[in-house]
């Protein structure tokens, strides 16, 4: 669980899943959407090292 102090982030905004070799991110029905590299994601989307995810006004870098 990651808690962000950002009013534009929904209570359950996005889901990140990993199985060791691969991680994905999926929007959890948020109001403002989840963005990867500036593009709104739809469905489970693969994450790669260095990817920048935006939730609300907050930027998160995946490492």
PDB file of N, CA and C in Angstrom:
ATOM      1  N   UNK A   1       0.850  -1.174   0.000  1.00  0.00           N
ATOM      2  CA  UNK A   1       0.000   0.000   0.000  1.00  0.00           C
ATOM      3  C   UNK A   1       0.892   1.232   0.000  1.00  0.00           C
ATOM      4  N   UNK A   2       0.590   2.146  -0.888  1.00  0.00           N
ATOM      5  CA  UNK A   2       1.297   3.423  -0.978  1.00  0.00           C
ATOM      6  C   UNK A   2       0.264   4.520  -0.786  1.00  0.00           C
ATOM      7  N   UNK A   3       0.459   5.368   0.211  1.00  0.00           N
ATOM      8  CA  UNK A   3      -0.478   6.458   0.500  1.00  0.00           C
ATOM      9  C   UNK A   3       0.171   7.764   0.074  1.00  0.00           C
ATOM     10  N   UNK A   4      -0.531   8.511  -0.781  1.00  0.00           N
ATOM     11  CA  UNK A   4      -0.014   9.777  -1.295  1.00  0.00           C
ATOM     12  C   UNK A   4      -0.876  10.930  -0.802  1.00  0.00           C
ATOM     13  N   UNK A   5      -0.250  12.025  -0.426  1.00  0.00           N
ATOM     14  CA  UNK A   5      -0.974  13.221   0.001  1.00  0.00           C
ATOM     15  C   UNK A   5      -1.321  14.079  -1.202  1.00  0.00           C
ATOM     16  N   UNK A   6      -2.146  13.578  -2.074  1.00  0.00           N
ATOM     17  CA  UNK A   6      -2.515  14.247  -3.322  1.00  0.00           C
ATOM     18  C   UNK A   6      -4.030  14.118  -3.470  1.00  0.00           C
ATOM     19  N   UNK A   7      -4.731  15.248  -3.436  1.00  0.00           N
ATOM     20  CA  UNK A   7      -6.196  15.242  -3.499  1.00  0.00           C
ATOM     21  C   UNK A   7      -6.730  14.657  -4.811  1.00  0.00           C
ATOM     22  N   UNK A   8      -5.904  14.614  -5.856  1.00  0.00           N
ATOM     23  CA  UNK A   8      -6.341  14.082  -7.150  1.00  0.00           C
ATOM     24  C   UNK A   8      -6.155  12.566  -7.252  1.00  0.00           C
ATOM     25  N   UNK A   9      -5.636  11.939  -6.195  1.00  0.00           N
ATOM     26  CA  UNK A   9      -5.438  10.490  -6.182  1.00  0.00           C
ATOM     27  C   UNK A   9      -6.622   9.841  -5.476  1.00  0.00           C
ATOM     28  N   UNK A  10      -7.232   8.868  -6.136  1.00  0.00           N
ATOM     29  CA  UNK A  10      -8.362   8.143  -5.555  1.00  0.00           C
ATOM     30  C   UNK A  10      -7.888   7.235  -4.422  1.00  0.00           C
ATOM     31  N   UNK A  11      -8.812   6.864  -3.559  1.00  0.00           N
ATOM     32  CA  UNK A  11      -8.481   5.976  -2.429  1.00  0.00           C
ATOM     33  C   UNK A  11      -7.849   4.674  -2.918  1.00  0.00           C
ATOM     34  N   UNK A  12      -8.402   4.086  -3.966  1.00  0.00           N
ATOM     35  CA  UNK A  12      -7.818   2.915  -4.639  1.00  0.00           C
ATOM     36  C   UNK A  12      -7.592   3.325  -6.083  1.00  0.00           C
ATOM     37  N   UNK A  13      -6.454   3.872  -6.382  1.00  0.00           N
ATOM     38  CA  UNK A  13      -6.206   4.507  -7.669  1.00  0.00           C
ATOM     39  C   UNK A  13      -5.687   3.521  -8.723  1.00  0.00           C
ATOM     40  N   UNK A  14      -4.667   2.753  -8.354  1.00  0.00           N
ATOM     41  CA  UNK A  14      -4.031   1.846  -9.318  1.00  0.00           C
ATOM     42  C   UNK A  14      -3.541   0.600  -8.594  1.00  0.00           C
ATOM     43  N   UNK A  15      -3.332  -0.455  -9.379  1.00  0.00           N
ATOM     44  CA  UNK A  15      -2.835  -1.721  -8.847  1.00  0.00           C
ATOM     45  C   UNK A  15      -1.547  -2.068  -9.591  1.00  0.00           C
ATOM     46  N   UNK A  16      -0.495  -2.320  -8.825  1.00  0.00           N
ATOM     47  CA  UNK A  16       0.773  -2.775  -9.395  1.00  0.00           C
ATOM     48  C   UNK A  16       0.950  -4.231  -8.984  1.00  0.00           C
ATOM     49  N   UNK A  17       1.221  -5.073  -9.979  1.00  0.00           N
ATOM     50  CA  UNK A  17       1.432  -6.502  -9.724  1.00  0.00           C
ATOM     51  C   UNK A  17       2.802  -6.897 -10.268  1.00  0.00           C
ATOM     52  N   UNK A  18       3.456  -7.792  -9.568  1.00  0.00           N
ATOM     53  CA  UNK A  18       4.744  -8.294 -10.032  1.00  0.00           C
ATOM     54  C   UNK A  18       4.850  -9.779  -9.791  1.00  0.00           C
ATOM     55  N   UNK A  19       5.550 -10.462 -10.697  1.00  0.00           N
ATOM     56  CA  UNK A  19       5.747 -11.905 -10.529  1.00  0.00           C
ATOM     57  C   UNK A  19       7.227 -12.252 -10.563  1.00  0.00           C
ATOM     58  N   UNK A  20       8.067 -11.312 -10.210  1.00  0.00           N
ATOM     59  CA  UNK A  20       9.508 -11.533 -10.220  1.00  0.00           C
ATOM     60  C   UNK A  20      10.163 -10.962 -11.457  1.00  0.00           C
ATOM     61  N   UNK A  21       9.799 -11.472 -12.624  1.00  0.00           N
ATOM     62  CA  UNK A  21      10.419 -11.018 -13.865  1.00  0.00           C
ATOM     63  C   UNK A  21       9.649  -9.885 -14.532  1.00  0.00           C
ATOM     64  N   UNK A  22       8.376  -9.747 -14.244  1.00  0.00           N
ATOM     65  CA  UNK A  22       7.537  -8.757 -14.926  1.00  0.00           C
ATOM     66  C   UNK A  22       6.614  -8.071 -13.933  1.00  0.00           C
ATOM     67  N   UNK A  23       6.446  -6.772 -14.113  1.00  0.00           N
ATOM     68  CA  UNK A  23       5.495  -6.003 -13.306  1.00  0.00           C
ATOM     69  C   UNK A  23       4.516  -5.315 -14.246  1.00  0.00           C
ATOM     70  N   UNK A  24       3.283  -5.166 -13.781  1.00  0.00           N
ATOM     71  CA  UNK A  24       2.264  -4.449 -14.549  1.00  0.00           C
ATOM     72  C   UNK A  24       1.579  -3.441 -13.643  1.00  0.00           C
ATOM     73  N   UNK A  25       0.984  -2.431 -14.260  1.00  0.00           N
ATOM     74  CA  UNK A  25       0.162  -1.464 -13.551  1.00  0.00           C
ATOM     75  C   UNK A  25      -1.183  -1.401 -14.246  1.00  0.00           C
ATOM     76  N   UNK A  26      -2.223  -1.235 -13.457  1.00  0.00           N
ATOM     77  CA  UNK A  26      -3.587  -1.160 -13.990  1.00  0.00           C
ATOM     78  C   UNK A  26      -4.355  -0.115 -13.197  1.00  0.00           C
ATOM     79  N   UNK A  27      -5.101   0.735 -13.887  1.00  0.00           N
ATOM     80  CA  UNK A  27      -5.950   1.703 -13.205  1.00  0.00           C
ATOM     81  C   UNK A  27      -7.065   0.941 -12.493  1.00  0.00           C
ATOM     82  N   UNK A  28      -7.397   1.382 -11.287  1.00  0.00           N
ATOM     83  CA  UNK A  28      -8.410   0.689 -10.481  1.00  0.00           C
ATOM     84  C   UNK A  28      -9.742   1.428 -10.493  1.00  0.00           C
ATOM     85  N   UNK A  29     -10.061   2.066 -11.626  1.00  0.00           N
ATOM     86  CA  UNK A  29     -11.318   2.803 -11.735  1.00  0.00           C
ATOM     87  C   UNK A  29     -11.239   4.186 -11.131  1.00  0.00           C
ATOM     88  N   UNK A  30     -10.054   4.778 -11.142  1.00  0.00           N
ATOM     89  CA  UNK A  30      -9.851   6.098 -10.545  1.00  0.00           C
ATOM     90  C   UNK A  30     -10.609   7.179 -11.316  1.00  0.00           C
ATOM     91  N   UNK A  31     -10.832   8.284 -10.649  1.00  0.00           N
ATOM     92  CA  UNK A  31     -11.533   9.412 -11.263  1.00  0.00           C
ATOM     93  C   UNK A  31     -10.691  10.088 -12.337  1.00  0.00           C
ATOM     94  N   UNK A  32      -9.389  10.268 -12.063  1.00  0.00           N
ATOM     95  CA  UNK A  32      -8.526  11.052 -12.951  1.00  0.00           C
ATOM     96  C   UNK A  32      -7.605  10.223 -13.836  1.00  0.00           C
ATOM     97  N   UNK A  33      -7.666   8.908 -13.714  1.00  0.00           N
ATOM     98  CA  UNK A  33      -6.853   8.050 -14.568  1.00  0.00           C
ATOM     99  C   UNK A  33      -5.431   7.862 -14.069  1.00  0.00           C
ATOM    100  N   UNK A  34      -4.769   6.902 -14.683  1.00  0.00           N
ATOM    101  CA  UNK A  34      -3.371   6.585 -14.412  1.00  0.00           C
ATOM    102  C   UNK A  34      -2.634   6.692 -15.739  1.00  0.00           C
ATOM    103  N   UNK A  35      -1.469   7.327 -15.715  1.00  0.00           N
ATOM    104  CA  UNK A  35      -0.728   7.605 -16.942  1.00  0.00           C
ATOM    105  C   UNK A  35       0.658   6.988 -16.878  1.00  0.00           C
ATOM    106  N   UNK A  36       1.102   6.451 -17.987  1.00  0.00           N
ATOM    107  CA  UNK A  36       2.442   5.893 -18.117  1.00  0.00           C
ATOM    108  C   UNK A  36       3.095   6.578 -19.302  1.00  0.00           C
ATOM    109  N   UNK A  37       4.182   7.283 -19.050  1.00  0.00           N
ATOM    110  CA  UNK A  37       4.858   8.012 -20.127  1.00  0.00           C
ATOM    111  C   UNK A  37       3.967   9.050 -20.776  1.00  0.00           C
ATOM    112  N   UNK A  38       3.035   9.626 -20.015  1.00  0.00           N
ATOM    113  CA  UNK A  38       2.146  10.667 -20.530  1.00  0.00           C
ATOM    114  C   UNK A  38       0.886  10.153 -21.210  1.00  0.00           C
ATOM    115  N   UNK A  39       0.745   8.835 -21.351  1.00  0.00           N
ATOM    116  CA  UNK A  39      -0.422   8.244 -22.003  1.00  0.00           C
ATOM    117  C   UNK A  39      -1.300   7.553 -20.967  1.00  0.00           C
ATOM    118  N   UNK A  40      -2.608   7.799 -21.030  1.00  0.00           N
ATOM    119  CA  UNK A  40      -3.533   7.148 -20.103  1.00  0.00           C
ATOM    120  C   UNK A  40      -3.541   5.647 -20.375  1.00  0.00           C
ATOM    121  N   UNK A  41      -3.424   4.850 -19.323  1.00  0.00           N
ATOM    122  CA  UNK A  41      -3.390   3.399 -19.511  1.00  0.00           C
ATOM    123  C   UNK A  41      -4.797   2.818 -19.443  1.00  0.00           C
ATOM    124  N   UNK A  42      -4.985   1.758 -20.200  1.00  0.00           N
ATOM    125  CA  UNK A  42      -6.242   1.008 -20.204  1.00  0.00           C
ATOM    126  C   UNK A  42      -5.858  -0.457 -20.040  1.00  0.00           C
ATOM    127  N   UNK A  43      -6.340  -1.085 -18.998  1.00  0.00           N
ATOM    128  CA  UNK A  43      -5.997  -2.477 -18.731  1.00  0.00           C
ATOM    129  C   UNK A  43      -4.609  -2.610 -18.130  1.00  0.00           C
ATOM    130  N   UNK A  44      -4.206  -3.841 -17.868  1.00  0.00           N
ATOM    131  CA  UNK A  44      -2.886  -4.118 -17.298  1.00  0.00           C
ATOM    132  C   UNK A  44      -1.813  -3.759 -18.323  1.00  0.00           C
ATOM    133  N   UNK A  45      -0.870  -2.931 -17.898  1.00  0.00           N
ATOM    134  CA  UNK A  45       0.171  -2.420 -18.784  1.00  0.00           C
ATOM    135  C   UNK A  45       1.540  -2.765 -18.204  1.00  0.00           C
ATOM    136  N   UNK A  46       2.434  -3.355 -19.004  1.00  0.00           N
ATOM    137  CA  UNK A  46       3.760  -3.714 -18.497  1.00  0.00           C
ATOM    138  C   UNK A  46       4.549  -2.484 -18.038  1.00  0.00           C
ATOM    139  N   UNK A  47       5.308  -2.657 -16.952  1.00  0.00           N
ATOM    140  CA  UNK A  47       6.209  -1.624 -16.450  1.00  0.00           C
ATOM    141  C   UNK A  47       7.645  -2.044 -16.735  1.00  0.00           C
ATOM    142  N   UNK A  48       8.457  -1.061 -17.121  1.00  0.00           N
ATOM    143  CA  UNK A  48       9.876  -1.307 -17.356  1.00  0.00           C
ATOM    144  C   UNK A  48      10.681  -0.362 -16.477  1.00  0.00           C
ATOM    145  N   UNK A  49      11.886  -0.767 -16.136  1.00  0.00           N
ATOM    146  CA  UNK A  49      12.753   0.062 -15.309  1.00  0.00           C
ATOM    147  C   UNK A  49      12.884   1.465 -15.913  1.00  0.00           C
ATOM    148  N   UNK A  50      12.670   2.482 -15.069  1.00  0.00           N
ATOM    149  CA  UNK A  50      12.770   3.868 -15.507  1.00  0.00           C
ATOM    150  C   UNK A  50      11.453   4.474 -15.954  1.00  0.00           C
ATOM    151  N   UNK A  51      10.392   3.668 -16.100  1.00  0.00           N
ATOM    152  CA  UNK A  51       9.082   4.199 -16.489  1.00  0.00           C
ATOM    153  C   UNK A  51       8.586   5.199 -15.453  1.00  0.00           C
ATOM    154  N   UNK A  52       7.919   6.241 -15.932  1.00  0.00           N
ATOM    155  CA  UNK A  52       7.330   7.249 -15.049  1.00  0.00           C
ATOM    156  C   UNK A  52       5.813   7.111 -15.107  1.00  0.00           C
ATOM    157  N   UNK A  53       5.222   6.901 -13.940  1.00  0.00           N
ATOM    158  CA  UNK A  53       3.780   6.746 -13.781  1.00  0.00           C
ATOM    159  C   UNK A  53       3.248   8.007 -13.124  1.00  0.00           C
ATOM    160  N   UNK A  54       2.123   8.523 -13.637  1.00  0.00           N
ATOM    161  CA  UNK A  54       1.472   9.672 -13.009  1.00  0.00           C
ATOM    162  C   UNK A  54       0.132   9.244 -12.446  1.00  0.00           C
ATOM    163  N   UNK A  55      -0.055   9.512 -11.153  1.00  0.00           N
ATOM    164  CA  UNK A  55      -1.338   9.325 -10.478  1.00  0.00           C
ATOM    165  C   UNK A  55      -1.670  10.666  -9.847  1.00  0.00           C
ATOM    166  N   UNK A  56      -2.794  11.237 -10.237  1.00  0.00           N
ATOM    167  CA  UNK A  56      -3.112  12.596  -9.794  1.00  0.00           C
ATOM    168  C   UNK A  56      -2.041  13.545 -10.302  1.00  0.00           C
ATOM    169  N   UNK A  57      -1.473  14.332  -9.393  1.00  0.00           N
ATOM    170  CA  UNK A  57      -0.387  15.246  -9.743  1.00  0.00           C
ATOM    171  C   UNK A  57       0.973  14.666  -9.359  1.00  0.00           C
ATOM    172  N   UNK A  58       0.991  13.430  -8.892  1.00  0.00           N
ATOM    173  CA  UNK A  58       2.205  12.792  -8.389  1.00  0.00           C
ATOM    174  C   UNK A  58       2.855  11.930  -9.464  1.00  0.00           C
ATOM    175  N   UNK A  59       4.170  12.083  -9.614  1.00  0.00           N
ATOM    176  CA  UNK A  59       4.947  11.264 -10.542  1.00  0.00           C
ATOM    177  C   UNK A  59       5.725  10.225  -9.749  1.00  0.00           C
ATOM    178  N   UNK A  60       5.691   8.986 -10.225  1.00  0.00           N
ATOM    179  CA  UNK A  60       6.402   7.880  -9.592  1.00  0.00           C
ATOM    180  C   UNK A  60       7.290   7.217 -10.638  1.00  0.00           C
ATOM    181  N   UNK A  61       8.545   6.967 -10.295  1.00  0.00           N
ATOM    182  CA  UNK A  61       9.441   6.284 -11.229  1.00  0.00           C
ATOM    183  C   UNK A  61       9.608   4.835 -10.792  1.00  0.00           C
ATOM    184  N   UNK A  62       9.419   3.918 -11.722  1.00  0.00           N
ATOM    185  CA  UNK A  62       9.529   2.486 -11.452  1.00  0.00           C
ATOM    186  C   UNK A  62      10.981   2.047 -11.630  1.00  0.00           C
ATOM    187  N   UNK A  63      11.534   1.420 -10.618  1.00  0.00           N
ATOM    188  CA  UNK A  63      12.932   0.943 -10.686  1.00  0.00           C
ATOM    189  C   UNK A  63      13.033  -0.512 -10.407  1.00  0.00           C
TER     190      UNK A  63
END
